[in-house]
Protein backbone atom coordinates (compact mmCIF):
# COMPACT_ATOMS: atom_id res chain seq x y z
CA MET A 1 9.77 15.65 10.37
CA THR A 2 9.01 12.66 8.16
CA THR A 3 6.55 13.55 5.39
CA ILE A 4 4.35 10.86 3.87
CA GLY A 5 2.22 11.50 0.83
CA VAL A 6 -1.08 9.78 0.15
CA LEU A 7 -1.99 9.54 -3.52
CA GLY A 8 -5.20 11.56 -3.65
CA LEU A 9 -6.63 10.65 -7.06
CA GLN A 10 -9.39 8.34 -5.78
CA GLY A 11 -10.16 6.36 -2.65
CA ALA A 12 -9.94 6.88 1.11
CA PHE A 13 -7.00 9.26 1.27
CA ARG A 14 -8.31 11.47 4.12
CA GLU A 15 -8.47 8.48 6.49
CA HIS A 16 -4.88 7.60 5.59
CA ILE A 17 -3.75 11.16 6.39
CA ARG A 18 -5.40 10.83 9.83
CA SER A 19 -3.59 7.53 10.43
CA VAL A 20 -0.22 8.90 9.23
CA GLU A 21 -0.52 11.88 11.56
CA ALA A 22 -1.59 9.64 14.47
CA SER A 23 1.67 7.73 13.82
CA GLY A 24 3.79 10.86 14.28
CA ALA A 25 4.49 11.85 10.67
CA THR A 26 3.25 14.70 8.48
CA GLY A 27 0.61 13.62 5.95
CA VAL A 28 0.17 15.30 2.56
CA VAL A 29 -2.46 14.58 -0.11
CA VAL A 30 -0.58 14.13 -3.41
CA LYS A 31 -2.50 15.29 -6.48
CA LYS A 32 0.38 16.46 -8.70
CA LYS A 33 3.47 14.47 -9.70
CA GLU A 34 5.73 17.37 -8.70
CA GLN A 35 4.74 16.77 -5.06
CA LEU A 36 6.61 13.44 -5.11
CA GLU A 37 9.86 15.40 -4.83
CA ASP A 38 8.80 16.80 -1.44
CA ILE A 39 7.81 13.57 0.35
CA ASP A 40 9.77 10.74 1.96
CA GLY A 41 7.25 7.92 1.46
CA LEU A 42 4.04 7.29 -0.48
CA ILE A 43 0.80 5.47 0.33
CA ILE A 44 -1.34 4.27 -2.58
CA PRO A 45 -4.80 3.84 -1.04
CA GLY A 46 -7.73 1.59 -1.80
CA GLY A 47 -10.40 2.43 -4.32
CA GLU A 48 -10.89 0.89 -7.75
CA SER A 49 -7.58 -0.14 -9.32
CA THR A 50 -8.56 0.44 -12.96
CA ALA A 51 -10.04 3.86 -12.10
CA ILE A 52 -6.91 4.82 -10.17
CA ARG A 53 -4.75 3.65 -13.11
CA ARG A 54 -6.73 5.81 -15.53
CA LEU A 55 -6.14 8.82 -13.27
CA ILE A 56 -2.45 7.91 -12.86
CA ASP A 57 -2.18 7.97 -16.68
CA LYS A 58 -4.25 11.16 -17.00
CA TYR A 59 -2.03 13.05 -14.54
CA ASP A 60 1.22 11.44 -15.81
CA PHE A 61 2.08 9.73 -12.50
CA LEU A 62 3.16 6.28 -13.74
CA GLU A 63 6.87 6.82 -14.44
CA PRO A 64 7.35 9.34 -11.59
CA ILE A 65 5.96 6.81 -9.06
CA ARG A 66 8.12 4.03 -10.54
CA GLU A 67 11.15 6.29 -10.28
CA PHE A 68 10.19 7.22 -6.69
CA GLY A 69 10.25 3.51 -5.79
CA LYS A 70 13.45 2.78 -7.70
CA GLN A 71 15.20 5.53 -5.71
CA GLY A 72 14.54 3.44 -2.60
CA LYS A 73 11.74 5.60 -1.25
CA PRO A 74 9.14 3.48 0.60
CA ILE A 75 5.71 2.83 -0.96
CA PHE A 76 2.73 1.25 0.83
CA GLY A 77 -0.14 -0.09 -1.28
CA THR A 78 -3.44 -0.94 0.43
CA CYS A 79 -6.23 -2.93 -1.30
CA ALA A 80 -6.28 -1.42 -4.82
CA GLY A 81 -2.82 -0.02 -4.06
CA LEU A 82 -1.58 -3.59 -3.64
CA ILE A 83 -2.86 -4.42 -7.14
CA LEU A 84 -1.09 -1.35 -8.55
CA LEU A 85 2.24 -2.39 -6.97
CA ALA A 86 2.12 -6.02 -8.15
CA SER A 87 4.40 -7.41 -10.83
CA GLU A 88 1.71 -9.92 -11.89
CA ILE A 89 -2.12 -9.84 -11.85
CA ASP A 90 -4.01 -13.11 -12.19
CA GLY A 91 -5.99 -13.24 -15.44
CA SER A 92 -4.38 -10.09 -16.86
CA TYR A 93 -1.42 -9.48 -19.14
CA ASP A 94 -1.31 -5.85 -18.07
CA VAL A 95 0.36 -4.69 -14.86
CA HIS A 96 0.42 -1.18 -13.45
CA LEU A 97 3.55 -0.08 -11.55
CA GLY A 98 5.06 -3.58 -11.42
CA LEU A 99 7.36 -2.65 -8.54
CA MET A 100 6.74 -5.49 -6.08
CA ASP A 101 7.46 -9.17 -6.75
CA ILE A 102 3.97 -10.47 -5.97
CA LYS A 103 1.12 -12.03 -7.96
CA VAL A 104 -2.34 -10.82 -6.97
CA ARG A 105 -5.92 -11.89 -7.55
CA ARG A 106 -8.50 -9.10 -7.76
CA ASN A 107 -11.83 -9.16 -5.86
CA ALA A 108 -10.65 -12.47 -4.42
CA PHE A 109 -12.91 -12.38 -1.36
CA GLY A 110 -16.08 -11.44 -3.25
CA ARG A 111 -18.00 -8.29 -4.01
CA GLN A 112 -18.81 -5.25 -1.83
CA ARG A 113 -21.65 -6.96 0.05
CA GLU A 114 -19.21 -9.69 1.10
CA SER A 115 -17.03 -7.19 2.97
CA PHE A 116 -15.90 -8.38 6.41
CA GLU A 117 -13.53 -7.85 9.32
CA ALA A 118 -10.98 -10.37 10.61
CA ASP A 119 -8.39 -10.42 13.38
CA LEU A 120 -4.91 -11.02 11.98
CA ASP A 121 -1.44 -11.55 13.38
CA ILE A 122 0.91 -9.39 11.28
CA ASP A 123 4.43 -10.77 11.63
CA GLY A 124 6.71 -8.36 13.47
CA VAL A 125 4.05 -5.64 13.39
CA ALA A 126 0.90 -6.46 15.38
CA ASP A 127 -0.98 -9.30 17.03
CA GLN A 128 -4.78 -9.30 16.93
CA PHE A 129 -5.00 -6.57 14.29
CA THR A 130 -8.59 -5.99 13.14
CA ALA A 131 -8.44 -5.86 9.33
CA VAL A 132 -11.30 -4.47 7.23
CA PHE A 133 -11.67 -6.26 3.87
CA ILE A 134 -13.76 -4.51 1.17
CA ARG A 135 -13.80 -6.16 -2.31
CA ALA A 136 -10.32 -7.22 -1.33
CA PRO A 137 -7.63 -8.83 -3.45
CA TYR A 138 -5.18 -11.34 -2.05
CA ILE A 139 -1.62 -12.27 -2.91
CA GLU A 140 -1.36 -15.62 -4.73
CA GLY A 141 2.42 -15.82 -4.73
CA VAL A 142 5.55 -13.92 -3.70
CA GLY A 143 9.12 -13.75 -4.94
CA GLU A 144 12.18 -14.86 -2.97
CA GLU A 145 12.85 -11.35 -1.65
CA THR A 146 9.27 -10.81 -0.46
CA LYS A 147 8.35 -11.60 3.14
CA VAL A 148 4.82 -12.77 3.96
CA LEU A 149 3.50 -10.76 6.94
CA ALA A 150 -0.07 -12.05 7.32
CA ARG A 151 -2.49 -14.66 6.04
CA TYR A 152 -6.25 -15.00 6.24
CA ASP A 153 -8.02 -18.29 5.46
CA GLY A 154 -4.76 -19.60 3.99
CA HIS A 155 -4.31 -16.62 1.64
CA ILE A 156 -1.53 -14.03 1.87
CA VAL A 157 -3.01 -10.64 2.79
CA ALA A 158 0.10 -8.62 3.75
CA ALA A 159 3.70 -8.69 2.52
CA GLN A 160 6.87 -6.63 2.46
CA GLN A 161 9.74 -6.52 -0.03
CA ASP A 162 12.54 -4.19 1.06
CA HIS A 163 10.95 -0.72 0.97
CA TYR A 164 7.63 -1.88 -0.49
CA LEU A 165 4.72 -2.79 1.80
CA ALA A 166 1.33 -4.08 0.67
CA CYS A 167 -1.88 -5.35 2.25
CA SER A 168 -5.27 -6.56 1.01
CA PHE A 169 -7.26 -4.68 3.62
CA HIS A 170 -7.91 -1.08 4.75
CA PRO A 171 -5.73 -0.27 7.80
CA GLU A 172 -6.95 3.33 7.75
CA LEU A 173 -10.55 2.39 8.58
CA THR A 174 -9.90 1.55 12.24
CA ASP A 175 -8.20 3.35 15.12
CA ASP A 176 -5.41 0.73 15.18
CA HIS A 177 -2.48 2.53 13.54
CA ARG A 178 0.19 -0.16 14.09
CA LEU A 179 0.58 -1.12 10.42
CA VAL A 180 0.78 2.51 9.31
CA LEU A 181 3.27 3.11 12.14
CA HIS A 182 5.34 0.22 10.72
CA PHE A 183 5.37 2.04 7.37
CA VAL A 184 6.31 5.33 9.06
CA LYS A 185 9.28 3.51 10.66
CA MET A 186 10.27 2.15 7.22
CA VAL A 187 10.29 5.74 5.91
CA GLU A 188 12.28 6.97 8.91
CA HIS A 189 14.82 4.17 8.31
CA TYR A 190 15.13 5.31 4.68
CA ARG A 191 15.73 8.92 5.78
CA LYS A 192 18.41 7.83 8.27
CA SER A 193 20.15 5.80 5.55
CA LEU A 194 20.47 8.97 3.45
CA ALA A 195 22.08 10.82 6.34
CA MET A 196 24.74 8.14 6.93
């Protein structure tokens, strides 16, 4: 059985576990770096990116997560998780994990009270996907190896680069599990590649 961890330091990790399990995989809340050895893929959920980074540093997760990604294990960053994956953050010299070749803008769609839902077409994944945006970032630019999966109002809101997946919104907050299922399939593909 494919096992997907959800980083459980801050944010909506329980909803992600529900979505992972609805997509046919085993979900595990990851609170210790040693647990990374026992999972096949990792979701970094939404929350507050600077708060999550402080906790990543406090519990010594930074290099273990980087190493997890560099081994080819899939990582999915949603909302704040997207910011943590990015190789460049607009207006900041500091990056977090720096694993994905994207440039992001924080709080790009406004503050909490400006949260909204929008129907998106996610290339190769889902048509008419209802996306929940809460203090969402967006992707300002992508590298040559990064595929744009969805846009909203002209801005990139979902992208994939090899085994890294990122979106600006919260796919776990609806009963539409198609994007999480796409990630589960990415993880299953990784597992099959090890067996070959």
